[in-house]
PDB file of N, CA and C in Angstrom:
ATOM      1  N   MET A   1      -3.950  19.195   7.978  1.00  0.00           N
ATOM      2  CA  MET A   1      -3.917  17.822   7.508  1.00  0.00           C
ATOM      3  C   MET A   1      -5.208  17.514   6.743  1.00  0.00           C
ATOM      4  N   SER A   2      -5.078  16.733   5.710  1.00  0.00           N
ATOM      5  CA  SER A   2      -6.221  16.518   4.826  1.00  0.00           C
ATOM      6  C   SER A   2      -6.915  15.175   5.003  1.00  0.00           C
ATOM      7  N   ASN A   3      -6.361  14.266   5.759  1.00  0.00           N
ATOM      8  CA  ASN A   3      -6.924  12.929   5.962  1.00  0.00           C
ATOM      9  C   ASN A   3      -7.117  12.191   4.634  1.00  0.00           C
ATOM     10  N   GLU A   4      -6.211  12.407   3.705  1.00  0.00           N
ATOM     11  CA  GLU A   4      -6.311  11.730   2.420  1.00  0.00           C
ATOM     12  C   GLU A   4      -5.391  10.511   2.369  1.00  0.00           C
ATOM     13  N   GLN A   5      -5.753   9.582   1.503  1.00  0.00           N
ATOM     14  CA  GLN A   5      -4.927   8.398   1.294  1.00  0.00           C
ATOM     15  C   GLN A   5      -3.802   8.773   0.350  1.00  0.00           C
ATOM     16  N   ILE A   6      -2.576   8.691   0.811  1.00  0.00           N
ATOM     17  CA  ILE A   6      -1.412   8.984  -0.018  1.00  0.00           C
ATOM     18  C   ILE A   6      -0.728   7.662  -0.333  1.00  0.00           C
ATOM     19  N   PHE A   7      -0.436   7.441  -1.615  1.00  0.00           N
ATOM     20  CA  PHE A   7       0.253   6.226  -2.030  1.00  0.00           C
ATOM     21  C   PHE A   7       1.224   6.607  -3.126  1.00  0.00           C
ATOM     22  N   ASP A   8       2.508   6.388  -2.868  1.00  0.00           N
ATOM     23  CA  ASP A   8       3.533   6.706  -3.852  1.00  0.00           C
ATOM     24  C   ASP A   8       4.569   5.583  -3.881  1.00  0.00           C
ATOM     25  N   GLY A   9       5.558   5.718  -4.742  1.00  0.00           N
ATOM     26  CA  GLY A   9       6.568   4.681  -4.919  1.00  0.00           C
ATOM     27  C   GLY A   9       7.346   4.335  -3.663  1.00  0.00           C
ATOM     28  N   PRO A  10       7.904   5.326  -2.968  1.00  0.00           N
ATOM     29  CA  PRO A  10       8.653   5.004  -1.749  1.00  0.00           C
ATOM     30  C   PRO A  10       7.796   4.318  -0.680  1.00  0.00           C
ATOM     31  N   LEU A  11       6.523   4.695  -0.595  1.00  0.00           N
ATOM     32  CA  LEU A  11       5.635   4.039   0.366  1.00  0.00           C
ATOM     33  C   LEU A  11       5.374   2.593  -0.064  1.00  0.00           C
ATOM     34  N   ALA A  12       5.216   2.368  -1.359  1.00  0.00           N
ATOM     35  CA  ALA A  12       5.022   1.004  -1.864  1.00  0.00           C
ATOM     36  C   ALA A  12       6.253   0.146  -1.567  1.00  0.00           C
ATOM     37  N   ARG A  13       7.439   0.707  -1.774  1.00  0.00           N
ATOM     38  CA  ARG A  13       8.674  -0.028  -1.493  1.00  0.00           C
ATOM     39  C   ARG A  13       8.788  -0.338  -0.002  1.00  0.00           C
ATOM     40  N   SER A  14       8.428   0.626   0.834  1.00  0.00           N
ATOM     41  CA  SER A  14       8.459   0.417   2.280  1.00  0.00           C
ATOM     42  C   SER A  14       7.485  -0.678   2.693  1.00  0.00           C
ATOM     43  N   ALA A  15       6.298  -0.649   2.116  1.00  0.00           N
ATOM     44  CA  ALA A  15       5.287  -1.656   2.445  1.00  0.00           C
ATOM     45  C   ALA A  15       5.762  -3.044   2.027  1.00  0.00           C
ATOM     46  N   ARG A  16       6.351  -3.132   0.858  1.00  0.00           N
ATOM     47  CA  ARG A  16       6.829  -4.434   0.369  1.00  0.00           C
ATOM     48  C   ARG A  16       7.924  -4.977   1.271  1.00  0.00           C
ATOM     49  N   ALA A  17       8.817  -4.103   1.716  1.00  0.00           N
ATOM     50  CA  ALA A  17       9.882  -4.531   2.635  1.00  0.00           C
ATOM     51  C   ALA A  17       9.294  -4.951   3.978  1.00  0.00           C
ATOM     52  N   LEU A  18       8.304  -4.215   4.444  1.00  0.00           N
ATOM     53  CA  LEU A  18       7.697  -4.499   5.736  1.00  0.00           C
ATOM     54  C   LEU A  18       7.011  -5.858   5.753  1.00  0.00           C
ATOM     55  N   VAL A  19       6.312  -6.192   4.681  1.00  0.00           N
ATOM     56  CA  VAL A  19       5.601  -7.477   4.644  1.00  0.00           C
ATOM     57  C   VAL A  19       6.472  -8.605   4.095  1.00  0.00           C
ATOM     58  N   ARG A  20       7.710  -8.258   3.712  1.00  0.00           N
ATOM     59  CA  ARG A  20       8.695  -9.248   3.263  1.00  0.00           C
ATOM     60  C   ARG A  20       8.201 -10.091   2.085  1.00  0.00           C
ATOM     61  N   VAL A  21       7.835  -9.402   1.035  1.00  0.00           N
ATOM     62  CA  VAL A  21       7.383 -10.085  -0.167  1.00  0.00           C
ATOM     63  C   VAL A  21       8.181  -9.551  -1.356  1.00  0.00           C
ATOM     64  N   SER A  22       8.426 -10.400  -2.317  1.00  0.00           N
ATOM     65  CA  SER A  22       9.254 -10.019  -3.461  1.00  0.00           C
ATOM     66  C   SER A  22       8.494  -9.113  -4.426  1.00  0.00           C
ATOM     67  N   ALA A  23       9.259  -8.357  -5.195  1.00  0.00           N
ATOM     68  CA  ALA A  23       8.673  -7.505  -6.231  1.00  0.00           C
ATOM     69  C   ALA A  23       7.941  -8.367  -7.251  1.00  0.00           C
ATOM     70  N   LYS A  24       8.481  -9.531  -7.529  1.00  0.00           N
ATOM     71  CA  LYS A  24       7.855 -10.451  -8.486  1.00  0.00           C
ATOM     72  C   LYS A  24       6.463 -10.847  -8.012  1.00  0.00           C
ATOM     73  N   ASP A  25       6.323 -11.171  -6.730  1.00  0.00           N
ATOM     74  CA  ASP A  25       5.025 -11.594  -6.200  1.00  0.00           C
ATOM     75  C   ASP A  25       4.020 -10.448  -6.187  1.00  0.00           C
ATOM     76  N   VAL A  26       4.459  -9.261  -5.793  1.00  0.00           N
ATOM     77  CA  VAL A  26       3.553  -8.108  -5.787  1.00  0.00           C
ATOM     78  C   VAL A  26       3.125  -7.776  -7.208  1.00  0.00           C
ATOM     79  N   ALA A  27       4.078  -7.747  -8.125  1.00  0.00           N
ATOM     80  CA  ALA A  27       3.767  -7.430  -9.517  1.00  0.00           C
ATOM     81  C   ALA A  27       2.797  -8.449 -10.105  1.00  0.00           C
ATOM     82  N   SER A  28       3.016  -9.712  -9.818  1.00  0.00           N
ATOM     83  CA  SER A  28       2.137 -10.758 -10.328  1.00  0.00           C
ATOM     84  C   SER A  28       0.720 -10.607  -9.772  1.00  0.00           C
ATOM     85  N   THR A  29       0.621 -10.369  -8.482  1.00  0.00           N
ATOM     86  CA  THR A  29      -0.688 -10.209  -7.847  1.00  0.00           C
ATOM     87  C   THR A  29      -1.402  -8.964  -8.364  1.00  0.00           C
ATOM     88  N   ALA A  30      -0.637  -7.898  -8.610  1.00  0.00           N
ATOM     89  CA  ALA A  30      -1.212  -6.633  -9.062  1.00  0.00           C
ATOM     90  C   ALA A  30      -1.389  -6.561 -10.583  1.00  0.00           C
ATOM     91  N   ASP A  31      -0.934  -7.572 -11.288  1.00  0.00           N
ATOM     92  CA  ASP A  31      -1.014  -7.624 -12.741  1.00  0.00           C
ATOM     93  C   ASP A  31      -0.299  -6.433 -13.393  1.00  0.00           C
ATOM     94  N   VAL A  32       0.935  -6.180 -12.926  1.00  0.00           N
ATOM     95  CA  VAL A  32       1.815  -5.198 -13.549  1.00  0.00           C
ATOM     96  C   VAL A  32       3.164  -5.870 -13.786  1.00  0.00           C
ATOM     97  N   LYS A  33       3.972  -5.294 -14.648  1.00  0.00           N
ATOM     98  CA  LYS A  33       5.299  -5.841 -14.882  1.00  0.00           C
ATOM     99  C   LYS A  33       6.191  -5.541 -13.685  1.00  0.00           C
ATOM    100  N   LYS A  34       7.087  -6.466 -13.386  1.00  0.00           N
ATOM    101  CA  LYS A  34       8.022  -6.272 -12.277  1.00  0.00           C
ATOM    102  C   LYS A  34       8.844  -5.004 -12.487  1.00  0.00           C
ATOM    103  N   SER A  35       9.286  -4.770 -13.712  1.00  0.00           N
ATOM    104  CA  SER A  35      10.088  -3.575 -14.008  1.00  0.00           C
ATOM    105  C   SER A  35       9.281  -2.300 -13.771  1.00  0.00           C
ATOM    106  N   GLU A  36       7.984  -2.318 -14.075  1.00  0.00           N
ATOM    107  CA  GLU A  36       7.137  -1.153 -13.819  1.00  0.00           C
ATOM    108  C   GLU A  36       7.019  -0.892 -12.319  1.00  0.00           C
ATOM    109  N   LEU A  37       6.857  -1.963 -11.549  1.00  0.00           N
ATOM    110  CA  LEU A  37       6.763  -1.828 -10.096  1.00  0.00           C
ATOM    111  C   LEU A  37       8.057  -1.252  -9.534  1.00  0.00           C
ATOM    112  N   LYS A  38       9.196  -1.811  -9.957  1.00  0.00           N
ATOM    113  CA  LYS A  38      10.489  -1.344  -9.452  1.00  0.00           C
ATOM    114  C   LYS A  38      10.728   0.125  -9.828  1.00  0.00           C
ATOM    115  N   ASP A  39      10.385   0.510 -11.058  1.00  0.00           N
ATOM    116  CA  ASP A  39      10.534   1.906 -11.464  1.00  0.00           C
ATOM    117  C   ASP A  39       9.618   2.815 -10.647  1.00  0.00           C
ATOM    118  N   PHE A  40       8.398   2.362 -10.389  1.00  0.00           N
ATOM    119  CA  PHE A  40       7.462   3.136  -9.567  1.00  0.00           C
ATOM    120  C   PHE A  40       8.017   3.323  -8.156  1.00  0.00           C
ATOM    121  N   GLU A  41       8.562   2.256  -7.583  1.00  0.00           N
ATOM    122  CA  GLU A  41       9.131   2.329  -6.236  1.00  0.00           C
ATOM    123  C   GLU A  41      10.293   3.315  -6.164  1.00  0.00           C
ATOM    124  N   LYS A  42      11.052   3.415  -7.242  1.00  0.00           N
ATOM    125  CA  LYS A  42      12.199   4.330  -7.283  1.00  0.00           C
ATOM    126  C   LYS A  42      11.797   5.755  -7.675  1.00  0.00           C
ATOM    127  N   GLY A  43      10.531   5.937  -8.022  1.00  0.00           N
ATOM    128  CA  GLY A  43      10.068   7.260  -8.434  1.00  0.00           C
ATOM    129  C   GLY A  43      10.409   7.604  -9.867  1.00  0.00           C
ATOM    130  N   HIS A  44      10.805   6.614 -10.680  1.00  0.00           N
ATOM    131  CA  HIS A  44      11.219   6.860 -12.064  1.00  0.00           C
ATOM    132  C   HIS A  44      10.092   6.731 -13.074  1.00  0.00           C
ATOM    133  N   ASP A  45       8.992   6.120 -12.686  1.00  0.00           N
ATOM    134  CA  ASP A  45       7.941   5.847 -13.663  1.00  0.00           C
ATOM    135  C   ASP A  45       6.584   6.120 -13.039  1.00  0.00           C
ATOM    136  N   ASP A  46       5.711   6.733 -13.810  1.00  0.00           N
ATOM    137  CA  ASP A  46       4.345   6.942 -13.363  1.00  0.00           C
ATOM    138  C   ASP A  46       3.473   5.821 -13.878  1.00  0.00           C
ATOM    139  N   LEU A  47       2.627   5.323 -13.010  1.00  0.00           N
ATOM    140  CA  LEU A  47       1.686   4.283 -13.386  1.00  0.00           C
ATOM    141  C   LEU A  47       0.303   4.897 -13.519  1.00  0.00           C
ATOM    142  N   THR A  48      -0.586   4.161 -14.150  1.00  0.00           N
ATOM    143  CA  THR A  48      -1.967   4.626 -14.210  1.00  0.00           C
ATOM    144  C   THR A  48      -2.583   4.512 -12.816  1.00  0.00           C
ATOM    145  N   GLU A  49      -3.653   5.209 -12.619  1.00  0.00           N
ATOM    146  CA  GLU A  49      -4.358   5.155 -11.337  1.00  0.00           C
ATOM    147  C   GLU A  49      -4.799   3.727 -11.022  1.00  0.00           C
ATOM    148  N   GLN A  50      -5.227   2.998 -12.053  1.00  0.00           N
ATOM    149  CA  GLN A  50      -5.656   1.617 -11.861  1.00  0.00           C
ATOM    150  C   GLN A  50      -4.491   0.727 -11.439  1.00  0.00           C
ATOM    151  N   GLN A  51      -3.334   0.910 -12.058  1.00  0.00           N
ATOM    152  CA  GLN A  51      -2.166   0.119 -11.689  1.00  0.00           C
ATOM    153  C   GLN A  51      -1.751   0.400 -10.240  1.00  0.00           C
ATOM    154  N   GLU A  52      -1.732   1.667  -9.865  1.00  0.00           N
ATOM    155  CA  GLU A  52      -1.383   2.017  -8.486  1.00  0.00           C
ATOM    156  C   GLU A  52      -2.371   1.386  -7.505  1.00  0.00           C
ATOM    157  N   HIS A  53      -3.644   1.438  -7.852  1.00  0.00           N
ATOM    158  CA  HIS A  53      -4.676   0.857  -6.974  1.00  0.00           C
ATOM    159  C   HIS A  53      -4.483  -0.656  -6.840  1.00  0.00           C
ATOM    160  N   ARG A  54      -4.146  -1.331  -7.944  1.00  0.00           N
ATOM    161  CA  ARG A  54      -3.916  -2.781  -7.883  1.00  0.00           C
ATOM    162  C   ARG A  54      -2.697  -3.113  -7.032  1.00  0.00           C
ATOM    163  N   ILE A  55      -1.659  -2.287  -7.110  1.00  0.00           N
ATOM    164  CA  ILE A  55      -0.462  -2.505  -6.280  1.00  0.00           C
ATOM    165  C   ILE A  55      -0.817  -2.306  -4.813  1.00  0.00           C
ATOM    166  N   LEU A  56      -1.554  -1.241  -4.512  1.00  0.00           N
ATOM    167  CA  LEU A  56      -1.972  -0.994  -3.140  1.00  0.00           C
ATOM    168  C   LEU A  56      -2.782  -2.171  -2.600  1.00  0.00           C
ATOM    169  N   GLU A  57      -3.727  -2.658  -3.384  1.00  0.00           N
ATOM    170  CA  GLU A  57      -4.547  -3.799  -2.962  1.00  0.00           C
ATOM    171  C   GLU A  57      -3.707  -5.057  -2.771  1.00  0.00           C
ATOM    172  N   ALA A  58      -2.738  -5.279  -3.653  1.00  0.00           N
ATOM    173  CA  ALA A  58      -1.865  -6.447  -3.522  1.00  0.00           C
ATOM    174  C   ALA A  58      -1.060  -6.367  -2.231  1.00  0.00           C
ATOM    175  N   LEU A  59      -0.515  -5.204  -1.933  1.00  0.00           N
ATOM    176  CA  LEU A  59       0.264  -5.046  -0.706  1.00  0.00           C
ATOM    177  C   LEU A  59      -0.619  -5.233   0.527  1.00  0.00           C
ATOM    178  N   GLU A  60      -1.851  -4.771   0.467  1.00  0.00           N
ATOM    179  CA  GLU A  60      -2.783  -4.984   1.574  1.00  0.00           C
ATOM    180  C   GLU A  60      -3.091  -6.470   1.734  1.00  0.00           C
ATOM    181  N   GLU A  61      -3.202  -7.166   0.613  1.00  0.00           N
ATOM    182  CA  GLU A  61      -3.443  -8.609   0.646  1.00  0.00           C
ATOM    183  C   GLU A  61      -2.282  -9.344   1.324  1.00  0.00           C
ATOM    184  N   PHE A  62      -1.065  -8.832   1.145  1.00  0.00           N
ATOM    185  CA  PHE A  62       0.115  -9.443   1.757  1.00  0.00           C
ATOM    186  C   PHE A  62       0.314  -9.016   3.214  1.00  0.00           C
ATOM    187  N   GLY A  63      -0.540  -8.117   3.720  1.00  0.00           N
ATOM    188  CA  GLY A  63      -0.485  -7.773   5.136  1.00  0.00           C
ATOM    189  C   GLY A  63      -0.085  -6.353   5.474  1.00  0.00           C
ATOM    190  N   ALA A  64       0.024  -5.477   4.479  1.00  0.00           N
ATOM    191  CA  ALA A  64       0.331  -4.070   4.748  1.00  0.00           C
ATOM    192  C   ALA A  64      -0.963  -3.322   5.052  1.00  0.00           C
ATOM    193  N   ARG A  65      -0.851  -2.346   5.909  1.00  0.00           N
ATOM    194  CA  ARG A  65      -1.990  -1.485   6.223  1.00  0.00           C
ATOM    195  C   ARG A  65      -1.516  -0.045   6.080  1.00  0.00           C
ATOM    196  N   PHE A  66      -2.176   0.710   5.207  1.00  0.00           N
ATOM    197  CA  PHE A  66      -1.754   2.072   4.930  1.00  0.00           C
ATOM    198  C   PHE A  66      -2.463   3.049   5.852  1.00  0.00           C
ATOM    199  N   VAL A  67      -1.672   3.964   6.407  1.00  0.00           N
ATOM    200  CA  VAL A  67      -2.162   4.934   7.368  1.00  0.00           C
ATOM    201  C   VAL A  67      -2.336   6.270   6.655  1.00  0.00           C
ATOM    202  N   ARG A  68      -3.473   6.871   6.855  1.00  0.00           N
ATOM    203  CA  ARG A  68      -3.771   8.156   6.215  1.00  0.00           C
ATOM    204  C   ARG A  68      -3.066   9.307   6.914  1.00  0.00           C
ATOM    205  N   ASP A  69      -2.858  10.356   6.179  1.00  0.00           N
ATOM    206  CA  ASP A  69      -2.311  11.601   6.698  1.00  0.00           C
ATOM    207  C   ASP A  69      -3.441  12.293   7.461  1.00  0.00           C
ATOM    208  N   ASP A  70      -3.263  12.543   8.749  1.00  0.00           N
ATOM    209  CA  ASP A  70      -4.311  13.201   9.527  1.00  0.00           C
ATOM    210  C   ASP A  70      -3.704  14.064  10.628  1.00  0.00           C
ATOM    211  N   SER A  71      -4.534  14.592  11.494  1.00  0.00           N
ATOM    212  CA  SER A  71      -4.069  15.510  12.540  1.00  0.00           C
ATOM    213  C   SER A  71      -3.222  14.815  13.596  1.00  0.00           C
ATOM    214  N   HIS A  72      -3.235  13.479  13.630  1.00  0.00           N
ATOM    215  CA  HIS A  72      -2.458  12.723  14.612  1.00  0.00           C
ATOM    216  C   HIS A  72      -1.052  12.382  14.119  1.00  0.00           C
ATOM    217  N   GLY A  73      -0.837  12.497  12.822  1.00  0.00           N
ATOM    218  CA  GLY A  73       0.480  12.178  12.284  1.00  0.00           C
ATOM    219  C   GLY A  73       0.449  12.033  10.776  1.00  0.00           C
ATOM    220  N   GLY A  74       1.609  11.834  10.224  1.00  0.00           N
ATOM    221  CA  GLY A  74       1.734  11.715   8.782  1.00  0.00           C
ATOM    222  C   GLY A  74       1.334  10.349   8.260  1.00  0.00           C
ATOM    223  N   TYR A  75       1.286  10.256   6.951  1.00  0.00           N
ATOM    224  CA  TYR A  75       0.914   8.999   6.303  1.00  0.00           C
ATOM    225  C   TYR A  75       2.049   7.997   6.430  1.00  0.00           C
ATOM    226  N   GLY A  76       1.706   6.721   6.256  1.00  0.00           N
ATOM    227  CA  GLY A  76       2.723   5.687   6.348  1.00  0.00           C
ATOM    228  C   GLY A  76       2.134   4.311   6.125  1.00  0.00           C
ATOM    229  N   VAL A  77       2.871   3.315   6.577  1.00  0.00           N
ATOM    230  CA  VAL A  77       2.453   1.932   6.424  1.00  0.00           C
ATOM    231  C   VAL A  77       2.808   1.173   7.685  1.00  0.00           C
ATOM    232  N   ARG A  78       1.985   0.223   8.025  1.00  0.00           N
ATOM    233  CA  ARG A  78       2.247  -0.635   9.178  1.00  0.00           C
ATOM    234  C   ARG A  78       1.755  -2.033   8.857  1.00  0.00           C
ATOM    235  N   LEU A  79       2.082  -2.979   9.718  1.00  0.00           N
ATOM    236  CA  LEU A  79       1.616  -4.345   9.516  1.00  0.00           C
ATOM    237  C   LEU A  79       0.151  -4.463   9.903  1.00  0.00           C
ATOM    238  N   LYS A  80      -0.560  -5.274   9.159  1.00  0.00           N
ATOM    239  CA  LYS A  80      -1.979  -5.486   9.405  1.00  0.00           C
ATOM    240  C   LYS A  80      -2.205  -6.209  10.729  1.00  0.00           C
ATOM    241  N   PHE A  81      -1.306  -7.122  11.058  1.00  0.00           N
ATOM    242  CA  PHE A  81      -1.450  -7.924  12.264  1.00  0.00           C
ATOM    243  C   PHE A  81      -0.346  -7.593  13.252  1.00  0.00           C
ATOM    244  N   ASN A  82      -0.665  -7.651  14.538  1.00  0.00           N
ATOM    245  CA  ASN A  82       0.370  -7.439  15.545  1.00  0.00           C
ATOM    246  C   ASN A  82       1.240  -8.684  15.660  1.00  0.00           C
ATOM    247  N   ARG A  83       2.303  -8.591  16.418  1.00  0.00           N
ATOM    248  CA  ARG A  83       3.288  -9.668  16.516  1.00  0.00           C
ATOM    249  C   ARG A  83       2.676 -10.991  16.989  1.00  0.00           C
ATOM    250  N   ALA A  84       1.790 -10.931  17.979  1.00  0.00           N
ATOM    251  CA  ALA A  84       1.169 -12.154  18.501  1.00  0.00           C
ATOM    252  C   ALA A  84       0.313 -12.826  17.432  1.00  0.00           C
ATOM    253  N   LYS A  85      -0.427 -12.042  16.662  1.00  0.00           N
ATOM    254  CA  LYS A  85      -1.277 -12.594  15.605  1.00  0.00           C
ATOM    255  C   LYS A  85      -0.418 -13.224  14.508  1.00  0.00           C
ATOM    256  N   VAL A  86       0.685 -12.592  14.173  1.00  0.00           N
ATOM    257  CA  VAL A  86       1.580 -13.146  13.150  1.00  0.00           C
ATOM    258  C   VAL A  86       2.124 -14.497  13.603  1.00  0.00           C
ATOM    259  N   ARG A  87       2.539 -14.583  14.865  1.00  0.00           N
ATOM    260  CA  ARG A  87       3.036 -15.866  15.379  1.00  0.00           C
ATOM    261  C   ARG A  87       1.948 -16.933  15.303  1.00  0.00           C
ATOM    262  N   ALA A  88       0.720 -16.574  15.655  1.00  0.00           N
ATOM    263  CA  ALA A  88      -0.392 -17.530  15.599  1.00  0.00           C
ATOM    264  C   ALA A  88      -0.650 -17.978  14.163  1.00  0.00           C
ATOM    265  N   ILE A  89      -0.636 -17.047  13.227  1.00  0.00           N
ATOM    266  CA  ILE A  89      -0.854 -17.396  11.816  1.00  0.00           C
ATOM    267  C   ILE A  89       0.253 -18.314  11.325  1.00  0.00           C
ATOM    268  N   GLU A  90       1.503 -18.001  11.660  1.00  0.00           N
ATOM    269  CA  GLU A  90       2.615 -18.859  11.246  1.00  0.00           C
ATOM    270  C   GLU A  90       2.472 -20.254  11.834  1.00  0.00           C
ATOM    271  N   ARG A  91       2.025 -20.334  13.084  1.00  0.00           N
ATOM    272  CA  ARG A  91       1.829 -21.640  13.721  1.00  0.00           C
ATOM    273  C   ARG A  91       0.723 -22.412  13.009  1.00  0.00           C
ATOM    274  N   TRP A  92      -0.379 -21.728  12.668  1.00  0.00           N
ATOM    275  CA  TRP A  92      -1.480 -22.381  11.960  1.00  0.00           C
ATOM    276  C   TRP A  92      -1.026 -22.875  10.593  1.00  0.00           C
ATOM    277  N   GLU A  93      -0.217 -22.075   9.902  1.00  0.00           N
ATOM    278  CA  GLU A  93       0.244 -22.469   8.569  1.00  0.00           C
ATOM    279  C   GLU A  93       1.182 -23.662   8.621  1.00  0.00           C
ATOM    280  N   ASP A  94       1.880 -23.847   9.731  1.00  0.00           N
ATOM    281  CA  ASP A  94       2.823 -24.953   9.849  1.00  0.00           C
ATOM    282  C   ASP A  94       2.163 -26.251  10.319  1.00  0.00           C
ATOM    283  N   GLU A  95       0.901 -26.195  10.713  1.00  0.00           N
ATOM    284  CA  GLU A  95       0.224 -27.402  11.185  1.00  0.00           C
ATOM    285  C   GLU A  95      -0.179 -28.285  10.010  1.00  0.00           C
ATOM    286  N   GLY A  96      -0.227 -29.562  10.258  1.00  0.00           N
ATOM    287  CA  GLY A  96      -0.760 -30.478   9.261  1.00  0.00           C
ATOM    288  C   GLY A  96       0.215 -30.968   8.225  1.00  0.00           C
ATOM    289  N   GLY A  97       1.472 -30.750   8.393  1.00  0.00           N
ATOM    290  CA  GLY A  97       2.451 -31.276   7.446  1.00  0.00           C
ATOM    291  C   GLY A  97       2.608 -30.409   6.225  1.00  0.00           C
ATOM    292  N   THR A  98       3.105 -31.033   5.167  1.00  0.00           N
ATOM    293  CA  THR A  98       3.372 -30.291   3.948  1.00  0.00           C
ATOM    294  C   THR A  98       2.076 -29.899   3.258  1.00  0.00           C
ATOM    295  N   SER A  99       2.096 -28.722   2.669  1.00  0.00           N
ATOM    296  CA  SER A  99       0.902 -28.263   1.961  1.00  0.00           C
ATOM    297  C   SER A  99       0.859 -28.880   0.571  1.00  0.00           C
ATOM    298  N   ALA A 100      -0.350 -29.000   0.066  1.00  0.00           N
ATOM    299  CA  ALA A 100      -0.538 -29.554  -1.271  1.00  0.00           C
ATOM    300  C   ALA A 100      -1.761 -28.885  -1.882  1.00  0.00           C
ATOM    301  N   ASP A 101      -1.968 -29.096  -3.169  1.00  0.00           N
ATOM    302  CA  ASP A 101      -3.135 -28.538  -3.839  1.00  0.00           C
ATOM    303  C   ASP A 101      -4.403 -29.183  -3.294  1.00  0.00           C
ATOM    304  N   ASP A 102      -5.442 -28.369  -3.174  1.00  0.00           N
ATOM    305  CA  ASP A 102      -6.740 -28.898  -2.753  1.00  0.00           C
ATOM    306  C   ASP A 102      -7.388 -29.624  -3.907  1.00  0.00           C
ATOM    307  N   ASP A 103      -8.120 -30.681  -3.600  1.00  0.00           N
ATOM    308  CA  ASP A 103      -8.829 -31.429  -4.626  1.00  0.00           C
ATOM    309  C   ASP A 103     -10.223 -30.865  -4.896  1.00  0.00           C
ATOM    310  N   VAL A 104     -10.573 -29.836  -4.170  1.00  0.00           N
ATOM    311  CA  VAL A 104     -11.929 -29.300  -4.271  1.00  0.00           C
ATOM    312  C   VAL A 104     -12.096 -28.433  -5.478  1.00  0.00           C
TER     313      VAL A 104
END
């Protein structure tokens, strides 16, 4: 095992499904076209190293955590927060009524 960070299209698609975010939102955050992201996820299109890195960072921002390939197991993706933390975050986000733009 090499303990390297592996990031490919199927892993990106898995991460997006895991964090339940749309391709449009990931593409917008990563500053890539939605069609490029979808093609990358399907393994049909190669992106530049910078584009892949921006997609990885966007998925991490949405709550994905990428697991390296090491002697304990293969590479993959998991949620950044455990179930209890997610419930707490959802509860915090629902407090205070409807959200609005900050005036600051």
